[in-house]
Amino acid sequence: MAALLHLRLNSSLLPSSSSHPSLRRRPCRRPVAPSTRISAKIREIFMPALSSTMTEGKIVSWVKSEGDRLAKGESVVVVESDKADMDVETFYDGYLAAIMVEEGGVAPVGSAIALLAESEDEIPLAKSQASSSSSAVAASPPPADAPASTTSVQTLAPSPPEPSPVAASSSTHPASDGGRIVATPYAKKLAKDLKVDLAGVAGTGPMGRIVAKDVEAAAAAAVASVPSVPSKAVVGSVSAKAPTPLAIELGTVVSFTTMQGAVSKNMVESLSVPTFRVGYTITTNALDDLYKKIKSKGVTMTALLAKATAIALTKHPVVNSSCRDGKSFTYNSSINIAVAVAIDGGLITPVLQDADKVDIYSLSRKWKELVDKARAKQLQPHEYSTGTFTLSNLGMFGVDRFDAILPPGTGAIMAVGASQPTVVAAKDGRIGLKSQMQVNVTADHRVIYGADLAAFLQTLAKIIEEPSDLTL
């Protein structure tokens, strides 16, 4: 996934009136002697805003090194936003003259992370400028109306996530593009951790793109070819999707990752919303039987629960509504079911859009695709920020019940526990064994009331206990 870089012209040679309309005449940052004329065009590469909630980004890796020639549209850096890793492309031709924020460094949105020179001759000047302004880079960017700034920032939309088709003559490597190895950001990060040379890896992704499983396979093959490596090291190198962390040193203080910081901010924000909770017990024998019948067709239990919830929400639109300003609420026109997924270092909620309108088989395929992208930190903003109702399921861990915290901007979230055999009494007094699960819904009491949730849960229970409509 890629987003275009934010660049700003920094030159004492002001553009003419026929230049790009977003460039405006402003005084230079530093005074220049009358006898000196600098015609260099040095552009600042800014930390882009990759989502509406992003305030700062972390440099995962620099795809290019200082001094490398860059072509317009070429990936330069991988940035970690609050939810995903994204390839970022340059909007100009030039040379990567100076990197101002190294890998692992964090910078506010809009602050300079590198300098781009128009020609090789201007690289030394750019390096000198980077050196003199290093202290300013660490601080927040100046206001847009500050007289010392050079020109306006160009804000550009993210480009499509998949790379352009590879020309047959560009390289002999199946995943190369003009001499550049094409791989997902996660695959590049994994290759660095596992010390795998991507030049020798055959990609199995679209257009030969290298994905994480290709890197893991290459790492496993490399380990297998070295019999002298102890078995303990082999397991530690290839048994997990991500490198095994070192033993935790008790008493240490660890800063939040970008994602953990975003989760923390959202959870604190949720405390300003008056919420209440309603629980319900649902018999799942019929749903379990249906799942066994269609599981072989790729259907997941998560998709079944999302589909059942979406159908119930069509009959109770107030539970799918949201209040954002404290003065009004919106009946959302779409039913988008967000499902919480735990990933390394945080939590994300991929969204099944229009879940009430999509058949269960397509919904299951979409869910698997979203989970893969979430774990690879490849989700686009619209794939995790458009939910209108949230599901959080801990049943696979044997948890029988729990409460969930309401995500800001939504009306309700449902916590789903495990389905467990339970001895129950029928209305006629007979005792039997049934599978039952507990669900608890947390809702915004400014919009949704107890009777609303009770009616919704009755409808949901009926759909799950008679699930024939789920496969229509």
Protein backbone atom coordinates (compact mmCIF):
# COMPACT_ATOMS: atom_id res chain seq x y z
CA MET A 1 0.00 0.00 0.00
CA ALA A 2 1.34 3.22 -0.94
CA ALA A 3 0.74 6.86 -0.32
CA LEU A 4 2.29 9.79 -2.12
CA LEU A 5 4.88 11.83 -0.26
CA HIS A 6 4.25 15.35 0.91
CA LEU A 7 6.92 17.61 -0.50
CA ARG A 8 7.71 21.30 -0.14
CA LEU A 9 9.98 23.39 -2.33
CA ASN A 10 12.78 25.06 -0.41
CA SER A 11 14.72 27.39 -2.70
CA SER A 12 15.73 30.98 -3.01
CA LEU A 13 14.88 30.80 -6.71
CA LEU A 14 11.18 31.63 -6.53
CA PRO A 15 8.83 29.94 -9.06
CA SER A 16 7.26 31.98 -11.84
CA SER A 17 3.53 32.64 -12.07
CA SER A 18 3.23 29.68 -14.43
CA SER A 19 4.53 27.25 -11.78
CA HIS A 20 2.36 24.82 -9.81
CA PRO A 21 -0.64 26.74 -8.35
CA SER A 22 0.01 25.40 -4.86
CA LEU A 23 3.41 27.12 -4.72
CA ARG A 24 3.37 30.69 -3.38
CA ARG A 25 6.09 33.32 -3.16
CA ARG A 26 7.56 33.56 0.30
CA PRO A 27 10.86 34.79 1.71
CA CYS A 28 13.71 32.33 2.16
CA ARG A 29 14.23 30.73 5.54
CA ARG A 30 17.73 32.20 5.81
CA PRO A 31 18.99 35.55 4.42
CA VAL A 32 21.39 35.26 1.49
CA ALA A 33 24.05 37.81 0.65
CA PRO A 34 23.11 39.95 -2.38
CA SER A 35 26.11 38.70 -4.33
CA THR A 36 25.15 35.02 -3.77
CA ARG A 37 22.49 33.35 -5.89
CA ILE A 38 21.45 29.78 -5.10
CA SER A 39 19.45 28.04 -7.79
CA ALA A 40 19.20 24.72 -6.00
CA LYS A 41 15.80 23.05 -5.71
CA ILE A 42 15.71 21.13 -2.46
CA ARG A 43 12.40 19.69 -1.39
CA GLU A 44 11.46 18.53 2.08
CA ILE A 45 9.86 15.09 2.29
CA PHE A 46 7.16 15.27 4.93
CA MET A 47 5.58 12.66 7.18
CA PRO A 48 2.25 12.07 5.41
CA ALA A 49 -1.14 11.65 7.10
CA LEU A 50 -2.10 8.08 6.19
CA SER A 51 -5.40 8.15 8.08
CA SER A 52 -7.78 10.70 9.55
CA THR A 53 -6.70 9.83 13.10
CA MET A 54 -2.95 9.79 12.49
CA THR A 55 -0.99 12.50 14.32
CA GLU A 56 2.48 10.99 14.01
CA GLY A 57 4.16 8.20 12.11
CA LYS A 58 7.03 5.80 12.69
CA ILE A 59 9.66 5.03 10.05
CA VAL A 60 9.61 1.24 9.59
CA SER A 61 12.29 1.18 6.90
CA TRP A 62 13.83 3.32 4.18
CA VAL A 63 13.42 1.58 0.83
CA LYS A 64 16.04 3.92 -0.65
CA SER A 65 19.41 5.09 0.72
CA GLU A 66 20.98 8.53 0.73
CA GLY A 67 22.30 9.39 -2.72
CA ASP A 68 19.88 7.08 -4.57
CA ARG A 69 18.18 8.38 -7.70
CA LEU A 70 14.40 8.57 -7.34
CA ALA A 71 11.76 8.52 -10.04
CA LYS A 72 8.27 9.94 -9.64
CA GLY A 73 5.93 7.31 -8.17
CA GLU A 74 8.77 5.19 -6.74
CA SER A 75 8.53 3.84 -3.17
CA VAL A 76 10.94 5.59 -0.83
CA VAL A 77 9.98 4.74 2.74
CA VAL A 78 7.66 2.47 4.72
CA VAL A 79 5.72 4.36 7.38
CA GLU A 80 3.81 2.86 10.31
CA SER A 81 0.62 4.80 11.02
CA ASP A 82 -1.70 4.16 13.94
CA LYS A 83 -3.18 1.14 12.14
CA ALA A 84 -1.03 -0.06 9.25
CA ASP A 85 2.33 -0.04 7.47
CA MET A 86 2.25 1.71 4.10
CA ASP A 87 4.70 2.19 1.24
CA VAL A 88 5.10 5.90 0.51
CA GLU A 89 6.03 7.14 -2.95
CA THR A 90 7.76 10.27 -4.19
CA PHE A 91 5.90 12.84 -6.24
CA TYR A 92 9.08 14.21 -7.86
CA ASP A 93 12.18 13.01 -9.67
CA GLY A 94 15.45 13.69 -7.85
CA TYR A 95 17.99 12.31 -5.38
CA LEU A 96 17.42 11.25 -1.78
CA ALA A 97 19.92 13.72 -0.40
CA ALA A 98 19.53 13.47 3.38
CA ILE A 99 17.52 11.25 5.71
CA MET A 100 16.47 13.27 8.76
CA VAL A 101 14.50 10.59 10.65
CA GLU A 102 16.17 7.20 10.82
CA GLU A 103 14.45 3.80 10.88
CA GLY A 104 12.53 3.37 14.13
CA GLY A 105 12.23 7.14 14.56
CA VAL A 106 8.88 8.89 15.09
CA ALA A 107 7.88 12.22 13.54
CA PRO A 108 4.68 14.31 13.70
CA VAL A 109 2.51 14.47 10.60
CA GLY A 110 3.73 17.34 8.42
CA SER A 111 7.29 17.43 9.75
CA ALA A 112 10.28 16.86 7.45
CA ILE A 113 11.76 13.35 7.44
CA ALA A 114 14.18 13.74 4.51
CA LEU A 115 15.40 16.12 1.81
CA LEU A 116 15.14 15.56 -1.93
CA ALA A 117 17.65 17.27 -4.24
CA GLU A 118 16.99 17.91 -7.90
CA SER A 119 20.54 17.01 -8.97
CA GLU A 120 23.61 15.26 -7.56
CA ASP A 121 25.43 18.60 -7.29
CA GLU A 122 22.86 19.82 -4.78
CA ILE A 123 23.22 16.84 -2.41
CA PRO A 124 26.00 18.47 -0.29
CA LEU A 125 23.87 21.61 0.14
CA ALA A 126 20.91 19.48 1.20
CA LYS A 127 23.05 17.58 3.72
CA SER A 128 24.25 20.87 5.15
CA GLN A 129 20.67 22.11 5.44
CA ALA A 130 19.59 18.86 7.13
CA SER A 131 22.42 19.19 9.64
CA SER A 132 21.55 22.78 10.53
CA SER A 133 17.83 22.09 10.89
CA SER A 134 18.01 18.76 12.74
CA SER A 135 16.83 20.31 15.97
CA ALA A 136 13.85 21.89 14.23
CA VAL A 137 12.83 18.58 12.66
CA ALA A 138 12.35 17.01 16.09
CA ALA A 139 9.85 19.71 17.01
CA SER A 140 6.34 20.20 15.65
CA PRO A 141 6.09 21.79 12.17
CA PRO A 142 5.57 25.58 12.10
CA PRO A 143 2.07 26.98 11.58
CA ALA A 144 0.99 27.38 7.96
CA ASP A 145 0.86 31.17 8.29
CA ALA A 146 4.29 31.55 9.86
CA PRO A 147 6.32 34.05 7.81
CA ALA A 148 9.47 31.92 8.01
CA SER A 149 8.01 28.98 6.08
CA THR A 150 8.95 28.54 2.46
CA THR A 151 5.97 27.37 0.40
CA SER A 152 2.70 25.53 0.79
CA VAL A 153 2.44 21.78 1.39
CA GLN A 154 0.94 19.60 -1.33
CA THR A 155 -1.51 17.08 0.15
CA LEU A 156 -2.02 14.09 -2.12
CA ALA A 157 -4.32 11.08 -1.93
CA PRO A 158 -3.03 7.53 -1.32
CA SER A 159 -2.24 5.60 -4.47
CA PRO A 160 -3.55 2.07 -5.18
CA PRO A 161 -2.05 -0.63 -2.94
CA GLU A 162 -0.86 -2.95 -5.68
CA PRO A 163 2.25 -2.18 -7.73
CA SER A 164 2.13 -1.48 -11.45
CA PRO A 165 2.50 -4.49 -13.77
CA VAL A 166 6.12 -5.51 -14.18
CA ALA A 167 7.62 -5.13 -17.63
CA ALA A 168 9.10 -8.38 -18.87
CA SER A 169 12.36 -6.74 -19.84
CA SER A 170 12.88 -4.75 -16.64
CA SER A 171 14.54 -7.54 -14.66
CA THR A 172 15.03 -11.27 -14.58
CA HIS A 173 13.69 -11.44 -11.05
CA PRO A 174 9.90 -12.21 -11.11
CA ALA A 175 9.20 -9.61 -8.40
CA SER A 176 11.37 -6.77 -9.63
CA ASP A 177 10.25 -3.45 -11.04
CA GLY A 178 12.91 -1.45 -12.78
CA GLY A 179 15.62 -3.04 -10.62
CA ARG A 180 13.56 -2.70 -7.41
CA ILE A 181 12.37 -5.81 -5.60
CA VAL A 182 8.58 -5.64 -5.15
CA ALA A 183 7.48 -6.92 -1.75
CA THR A 184 4.91 -6.04 0.88
CA PRO A 185 6.15 -3.85 3.75
CA TYR A 186 5.65 -6.71 6.20
CA ALA A 187 7.64 -9.05 3.96
CA LYS A 188 10.49 -6.52 3.83
CA LYS A 189 10.47 -6.15 7.60
CA LEU A 190 10.36 -9.92 8.08
CA ALA A 191 13.22 -10.40 5.62
CA LYS A 192 15.32 -7.91 7.57
CA ASP A 193 14.57 -9.67 10.88
CA LEU A 194 15.25 -13.15 9.47
CA LYS A 195 18.26 -11.95 7.43
CA VAL A 196 16.78 -13.13 4.14
CA ASP A 197 18.01 -11.60 0.86
CA LEU A 198 14.88 -10.70 -1.11
CA ALA A 199 16.83 -10.86 -4.36
CA GLY A 200 16.80 -14.65 -4.06
CA VAL A 201 13.14 -15.01 -3.08
CA ALA A 202 10.46 -15.94 -5.62
CA GLY A 203 7.22 -14.05 -4.94
CA THR A 204 3.84 -15.78 -5.02
CA GLY A 205 1.73 -12.64 -4.60
CA PRO A 206 0.03 -10.63 -7.38
CA MET A 207 2.38 -9.94 -10.31
CA GLY A 208 5.14 -11.86 -8.51
CA ARG A 209 5.06 -9.62 -5.41
CA ILE A 210 6.90 -11.13 -2.45
CA VAL A 211 4.67 -11.74 0.57
CA ALA A 212 5.44 -12.84 4.14
CA LYS A 213 5.00 -16.58 3.50
CA ASP A 214 7.63 -16.40 0.73
CA VAL A 215 10.15 -14.93 3.16
CA GLU A 216 9.30 -17.55 5.79
CA ALA A 217 9.75 -20.32 3.23
CA ALA A 218 13.12 -18.90 2.18
CA ALA A 219 14.22 -18.65 5.81
CA ALA A 220 13.16 -22.24 6.46
CA ALA A 221 15.03 -23.45 3.38
CA ALA A 222 18.15 -21.58 4.44
CA VAL A 223 18.03 -23.13 7.90
CA ALA A 224 17.44 -26.61 6.49
CA SER A 225 20.53 -26.27 4.30
CA VAL A 226 22.76 -25.72 7.34
CA PRO A 227 22.71 -29.01 9.35
CA SER A 228 25.13 -27.71 11.96
CA VAL A 229 22.63 -25.20 13.31
CA PRO A 230 21.21 -26.38 16.65
CA SER A 231 17.54 -27.39 16.56
CA LYS A 232 16.65 -24.78 19.16
CA ALA A 233 17.85 -22.02 16.83
CA VAL A 234 15.89 -23.53 13.92
CA VAL A 235 12.64 -23.38 15.88
CA GLY A 236 13.29 -19.86 17.03
CA SER A 237 13.93 -18.68 13.49
CA VAL A 238 11.00 -20.10 11.55
CA SER A 239 8.24 -21.23 13.90
CA ALA A 240 6.40 -17.89 14.08
CA LYS A 241 5.20 -15.29 11.61
CA ALA A 242 7.12 -12.60 13.46
CA PRO A 243 10.48 -12.87 15.20
CA THR A 244 10.26 -14.16 18.74
CA PRO A 245 10.80 -11.29 21.18
CA LEU A 246 13.60 -11.46 23.70
CA ALA A 247 12.81 -12.33 27.29
CA ILE A 248 11.07 -9.48 29.09
CA GLU A 249 13.22 -7.76 31.67
CA LEU A 250 10.99 -7.10 34.63
CA GLY A 251 10.93 -3.53 35.88
CA THR A 252 11.63 -1.98 32.49
CA VAL A 253 9.53 0.83 31.02
CA VAL A 254 8.39 0.32 27.42
CA SER A 255 6.92 3.11 25.31
CA PHE A 256 3.67 2.55 23.45
CA THR A 257 3.89 1.55 19.82
CA THR A 258 2.06 3.82 17.39
CA MET A 259 -0.89 1.44 17.36
CA GLN A 260 -0.98 1.09 21.16
CA GLY A 261 -0.95 4.88 21.43
CA ALA A 262 -3.95 5.11 19.09
CA VAL A 263 -5.84 2.44 21.04
CA SER A 264 -5.08 4.25 24.30
CA LYS A 265 -6.35 7.54 22.91
CA ASN A 266 -9.59 5.95 21.69
CA MET A 267 -10.21 4.15 24.98
CA VAL A 268 -9.75 7.35 26.99
CA GLU A 269 -12.07 9.17 24.59
CA SER A 270 -14.73 6.48 25.10
CA LEU A 271 -14.92 7.38 28.82
CA SER A 272 -16.74 10.59 27.89
CA VAL A 273 -19.69 8.57 26.51
CA PRO A 274 -22.42 7.42 28.96
CA THR A 275 -22.75 3.68 28.34
CA PHE A 276 -24.79 0.81 29.73
CA ARG A 277 -24.73 -2.96 29.20
CA VAL A 278 -27.31 -5.64 28.52
CA GLY A 279 -26.60 -9.39 28.52
CA TYR A 280 -28.44 -12.25 26.81
CA THR A 281 -28.16 -16.04 26.60
CA ILE A 282 -28.53 -17.57 23.13
CA THR A 283 -28.88 -21.26 22.29
CA THR A 284 -26.47 -22.16 19.48
CA ASN A 285 -27.25 -25.81 18.59
CA ALA A 286 -28.78 -24.92 15.22
CA LEU A 287 -26.00 -22.47 14.39
CA ASP A 288 -23.35 -25.06 15.30
CA ASP A 289 -25.04 -27.63 13.04
CA LEU A 290 -25.18 -25.15 10.16
CA TYR A 291 -21.52 -24.29 10.64
CA LYS A 292 -20.52 -27.96 10.45
CA LYS A 293 -22.40 -28.33 7.17
CA ILE A 294 -20.92 -25.32 5.37
CA LYS A 295 -17.49 -25.05 7.02
CA SER A 296 -15.95 -27.06 4.17
CA LYS A 297 -17.09 -24.34 1.75
CA GLY A 298 -14.88 -21.80 3.49
CA VAL A 299 -17.50 -20.31 5.81
CA THR A 300 -16.20 -19.02 9.15
CA MET A 301 -18.07 -18.69 12.44
CA THR A 302 -17.09 -15.01 12.55
CA ALA A 303 -18.84 -14.45 9.23
CA LEU A 304 -21.95 -16.28 10.48
CA LEU A 305 -22.11 -14.12 13.61
CA ALA A 306 -21.52 -10.95 11.59
CA LYS A 307 -24.23 -11.91 9.12
CA ALA A 308 -26.72 -12.71 11.91
CA THR A 309 -25.93 -9.41 13.63
CA ALA A 310 -26.33 -7.45 10.40
CA ILE A 311 -29.73 -9.00 9.66
CA ALA A 312 -30.90 -8.18 13.19
CA LEU A 313 -29.69 -4.58 12.80
CA THR A 314 -31.86 -4.11 9.69
CA LYS A 315 -34.86 -4.45 12.01
CA HIS A 316 -33.41 -2.20 14.73
CA PRO A 317 -31.68 0.72 12.97
CA VAL A 318 -31.34 2.73 16.19
CA VAL A 319 -28.78 0.17 17.44
CA ASN A 320 -26.78 0.81 14.27
CA SER A 321 -26.90 4.59 14.76
CA SER A 322 -24.16 6.84 16.14
CA CYS A 323 -23.81 10.12 18.06
CA ARG A 324 -20.68 12.18 17.45
CA ASP A 325 -21.49 15.71 18.61
CA GLY A 326 -23.66 15.08 21.68
CA LYS A 327 -26.54 17.01 20.07
CA SER A 328 -27.79 14.68 17.33
CA PHE A 329 -27.46 11.14 16.08
CA THR A 330 -27.26 9.55 12.65
CA TYR A 331 -29.17 6.56 11.35
CA ASN A 332 -26.32 5.04 9.36
CA SER A 333 -27.26 4.15 5.80
CA SER A 334 -24.98 1.08 5.73
CA ILE A 335 -24.56 -1.79 8.14
CA ASN A 336 -20.79 -2.25 8.45
CA ILE A 337 -19.77 -4.84 11.00
CA ALA A 338 -16.34 -4.20 12.54
CA VAL A 339 -14.73 -7.24 14.19
CA ALA A 340 -11.93 -6.85 16.71
CA VAL A 341 -8.72 -8.69 15.81
CA ALA A 342 -5.70 -8.98 18.10
CA ILE A 343 -2.41 -8.51 16.26
CA ASP A 344 1.17 -8.11 17.42
CA GLY A 345 1.43 -4.94 19.46
CA GLY A 346 -2.20 -3.89 19.35
CA LEU A 347 -5.78 -4.29 18.25
CA ILE A 348 -7.55 -3.46 15.01
CA THR A 349 -11.13 -3.79 13.76
CA PRO A 350 -11.40 -4.82 10.08
CA VAL A 351 -14.82 -3.94 8.66
CA LEU A 352 -17.23 -6.18 6.77
CA GLN A 353 -19.06 -3.54 4.77
CA ASP A 354 -22.76 -3.99 3.90
CA ALA A 355 -22.74 -7.28 5.79
CA ASP A 356 -26.53 -7.53 5.54
CA LYS A 357 -26.41 -7.52 1.72
CA VAL A 358 -23.44 -9.85 1.08
CA ASP A 359 -23.98 -13.63 0.92
CA ILE A 360 -22.31 -15.71 3.61
CA TYR A 361 -19.76 -17.27 1.24
CA SER A 362 -18.52 -13.94 -0.11
CA LEU A 363 -18.57 -12.52 3.40
CA SER A 364 -16.32 -15.35 4.64
CA ARG A 365 -13.86 -14.87 1.78
CA LYS A 366 -13.76 -11.15 2.50
CA TRP A 367 -13.17 -11.77 6.19
CA LYS A 368 -10.20 -14.04 5.53
CA GLU A 369 -8.74 -11.41 3.20
CA LEU A 370 -9.17 -8.68 5.82
CA VAL A 371 -7.55 -10.77 8.57
CA ASP A 372 -4.52 -11.51 6.36
CA LYS A 373 -4.16 -7.83 5.54
CA ALA A 374 -4.60 -6.84 9.19
CA ARG A 375 -1.84 -9.19 10.36
CA ALA A 376 0.41 -7.90 7.59
CA LYS A 377 -0.53 -4.32 8.59
CA GLN A 378 -1.79 -3.70 5.07
CA LEU A 379 -5.35 -2.50 5.70
CA GLN A 380 -6.49 0.64 3.94
CA PRO A 381 -8.19 3.30 6.17
CA HIS A 382 -11.67 2.52 4.80
CA GLU A 383 -11.16 -1.12 5.76
CA TYR A 384 -10.86 -0.40 9.48
CA SER A 385 -12.47 2.99 10.15
CA THR A 386 -15.97 2.66 8.68
CA GLY A 387 -17.62 0.30 11.17
CA THR A 388 -21.12 1.12 12.45
CA PHE A 389 -21.42 -1.81 14.91
CA THR A 390 -18.60 -3.82 16.48
CA LEU A 391 -18.19 -7.49 17.43
CA SER A 392 -15.58 -8.66 19.92
CA ASN A 393 -15.31 -12.44 20.25
CA LEU A 394 -13.20 -14.15 22.91
CA GLY A 395 -15.10 -17.43 22.76
CA MET A 396 -12.18 -19.21 21.06
CA PHE A 397 -10.22 -18.73 24.31
CA GLY A 398 -12.95 -20.36 26.40
CA VAL A 399 -14.11 -17.03 27.87
CA ASP A 400 -17.78 -17.37 28.79
CA ARG A 401 -18.61 -13.66 29.18
CA PHE A 402 -16.97 -10.24 29.26
CA ASP A 403 -17.71 -6.55 28.70
CA ALA A 404 -16.33 -4.56 25.78
CA ILE A 405 -15.49 -0.84 25.65
CA LEU A 406 -17.49 1.19 23.14
CA PRO A 407 -15.36 2.46 20.20
CA PRO A 408 -15.74 6.24 19.73
CA GLY A 409 -18.15 7.25 16.98
CA THR A 410 -20.30 4.10 17.15
CA GLY A 411 -23.49 3.24 18.99
CA ALA A 412 -22.86 -0.29 20.25
CA ILE A 413 -20.38 -3.14 20.58
CA MET A 414 -21.24 -6.77 21.33
CA ALA A 415 -18.98 -9.06 23.36
CA VAL A 416 -19.40 -12.72 22.42
CA GLY A 417 -18.45 -15.56 24.77
CA ALA A 418 -17.86 -19.26 24.13
CA SER A 419 -20.68 -21.63 23.25
CA GLN A 420 -20.75 -24.25 25.98
CA PRO A 421 -22.90 -27.32 26.80
CA THR A 422 -25.39 -26.27 29.46
CA VAL A 423 -28.05 -28.16 31.39
CA VAL A 424 -31.33 -26.29 30.87
CA ALA A 425 -34.97 -26.83 31.84
CA ALA A 426 -37.69 -26.64 29.18
CA LYS A 427 -41.02 -24.93 29.75
CA ASP A 428 -42.69 -28.31 30.29
CA GLY A 429 -40.26 -29.08 33.10
CA ARG A 430 -38.03 -31.51 31.22
CA ILE A 431 -34.27 -31.13 31.62
CA GLY A 432 -31.93 -31.30 28.65
CA LEU A 433 -28.46 -30.40 27.40
CA LYS A 434 -28.07 -27.47 25.04
CA SER A 435 -25.16 -25.38 23.74
CA GLN A 436 -25.47 -21.77 24.85
CA MET A 437 -23.40 -18.62 24.59
CA GLN A 438 -23.49 -15.36 26.50
CA VAL A 439 -23.46 -12.03 24.69
CA ASN A 440 -23.13 -8.61 26.35
CA VAL A 441 -23.82 -5.42 24.43
CA THR A 442 -22.33 -2.08 25.50
CA ALA A 443 -24.27 0.87 24.06
CA ASP A 444 -24.31 4.67 23.97
CA HIS A 445 -27.18 5.63 26.31
CA ARG A 446 -27.57 9.03 24.67
CA VAL A 447 -29.04 7.28 21.64
CA ILE A 448 -29.89 3.69 22.55
CA TYR A 449 -32.09 2.71 25.49
CA GLY A 450 -32.57 -0.54 27.38
CA ALA A 451 -35.73 -1.51 25.52
CA ASP A 452 -33.94 -0.97 22.18
CA LEU A 453 -31.16 -3.38 23.11
CA ALA A 454 -33.55 -5.94 24.58
CA ALA A 455 -35.60 -6.00 21.36
CA PHE A 456 -32.46 -6.24 19.23
CA LEU A 457 -31.09 -9.16 21.27
CA GLN A 458 -34.42 -11.00 21.04
CA THR A 459 -34.29 -10.67 17.26
CA LEU A 460 -30.62 -11.77 17.15
CA ALA A 461 -31.37 -14.82 19.31
CA LYS A 462 -34.21 -15.85 17.00
CA ILE A 463 -31.96 -15.57 13.92
CA ILE A 464 -29.17 -17.63 15.54
CA GLU A 465 -31.59 -20.25 16.89
CA GLU A 466 -33.28 -20.55 13.46
CA PRO A 467 -30.36 -19.73 11.12
CA SER A 468 -31.81 -20.73 7.75
CA ASP A 469 -31.85 -17.07 6.60
CA LEU A 470 -28.06 -16.83 6.98
CA THR A 471 -27.38 -18.84 3.83
CA LEU A 472 -29.86 -17.03 1.58
